[in-house]
Amino acid sequence: MLHFELVTPERLVRSEEVHMVVVPGTDGDFGVLEGHAPFMSTIRDGALSVYRAPNAQPETVAISGGFAEVNARGLTVLAERVD
């Protein structure tokens, strides 16, 4: 499982173990699974898709601006705003 955190400047919105997250990157959407290579990207306004399990329907979260970082601990998305 992938450790996923969604953070705004004001608060930690969510911290959980998930199967996959698809992030709206500035250069296009990208998916992150457990074991992904270290990576950093700016993000555009759009929908973050969170898959809790393989073959599950995604939960979408509207986010605005910010950046995403993948490291050995998992994926952290720091969004300017979460709607």
Protein backbone atom coordinates (compact mmCIF):
# COMPACT_ATOMS: atom_id res chain seq x y z
CA MET A 1 0.00 0.00 0.00
CA LEU A 2 1.01 3.58 -0.71
CA HIS A 3 1.14 6.07 2.16
CA PHE A 4 -0.70 9.20 0.95
CA GLU A 5 -0.98 12.60 2.59
CA LEU A 6 -2.98 15.57 1.33
CA VAL A 7 -2.01 18.82 3.00
CA THR A 8 -2.98 22.49 2.68
CA PRO A 9 -1.10 25.38 4.30
CA GLU A 10 -3.74 25.34 7.05
CA ARG A 11 -4.13 21.63 7.86
CA LEU A 12 -3.57 17.96 7.15
CA VAL A 13 -6.62 17.00 5.08
CA ARG A 14 -5.96 13.24 4.95
CA SER A 15 -3.30 10.68 5.77
CA GLU A 16 -4.00 7.10 4.75
CA GLU A 17 -2.83 3.94 3.01
CA VAL A 18 -4.19 3.61 -0.54
CA HIS A 19 -3.58 1.55 -3.67
CA MET A 20 -2.94 4.41 -6.13
CA VAL A 21 -3.35 8.16 -6.56
CA VAL A 22 -3.62 9.99 -9.90
CA VAL A 23 -2.38 13.57 -9.60
CA PRO A 24 -3.16 16.44 -12.02
CA GLY A 25 0.43 17.47 -12.78
CA THR A 26 1.32 20.63 -14.69
CA ASP A 27 2.69 18.50 -17.54
CA GLY A 28 -0.18 15.99 -17.41
CA ASP A 29 -1.79 13.53 -15.03
CA PHE A 30 0.46 10.94 -13.39
CA GLY A 31 -0.30 7.88 -11.29
CA VAL A 32 1.62 6.90 -8.17
CA LEU A 33 1.75 3.35 -6.79
CA GLU A 34 3.77 1.94 -3.89
CA GLY A 35 7.46 1.78 -4.79
CA HIS A 36 7.33 4.68 -7.26
CA ALA A 37 10.70 6.32 -7.97
CA PRO A 38 11.35 9.62 -6.15
CA PHE A 39 9.66 12.41 -8.08
CA MET A 40 8.53 15.98 -7.66
CA SER A 41 6.03 17.94 -9.75
CA THR A 42 3.97 21.09 -9.65
CA ILE A 43 0.25 20.48 -9.88
CA ARG A 44 -2.51 22.27 -11.72
CA ASP A 45 -6.09 22.87 -10.62
CA GLY A 46 -8.03 19.67 -11.13
CA ALA A 47 -9.24 16.42 -9.65
CA LEU A 48 -7.04 14.16 -7.57
CA SER A 49 -8.21 10.53 -7.94
CA VAL A 50 -7.69 8.23 -4.95
CA TYR A 51 -8.00 4.47 -5.48
CA ARG A 52 -8.33 2.67 -2.13
CA ALA A 53 -7.93 -0.79 -3.69
CA PRO A 54 -7.12 -2.32 -7.09
CA ASN A 55 -10.17 -2.18 -9.40
CA ALA A 56 -11.98 0.18 -7.00
CA GLN A 57 -13.83 3.23 -8.24
CA PRO A 58 -11.77 6.34 -7.49
CA GLU A 59 -12.73 8.97 -4.98
CA THR A 60 -12.07 12.40 -6.50
CA VAL A 61 -10.95 15.46 -4.58
CA ALA A 62 -10.84 18.93 -6.19
CA ILE A 63 -7.50 20.63 -5.58
CA SER A 64 -5.96 23.94 -6.61
CA GLY A 65 -2.28 24.57 -7.24
CA GLY A 66 0.71 23.37 -5.26
CA PHE A 67 3.09 20.47 -5.70
CA ALA A 68 3.44 16.73 -5.23
CA GLU A 69 6.42 14.81 -3.89
CA VAL A 70 7.04 11.07 -4.03
CA ASN A 71 9.76 9.72 -1.75
CA ALA A 72 10.54 6.58 0.24
CA ARG A 73 7.74 7.41 2.71
CA GLY A 74 5.06 7.71 -0.01
CA LEU A 75 3.20 10.54 -1.75
CA THR A 76 2.60 13.98 -0.28
CA VAL A 77 0.42 16.49 -2.11
CA LEU A 78 0.66 20.06 -0.81
CA ALA A 79 -2.28 21.88 -2.38
CA GLU A 80 -2.99 25.57 -2.14
CA ARG A 81 -6.66 24.70 -1.65
CA VAL A 82 -8.84 21.59 -1.34
CA ASP A 83 -12.55 21.96 -2.22
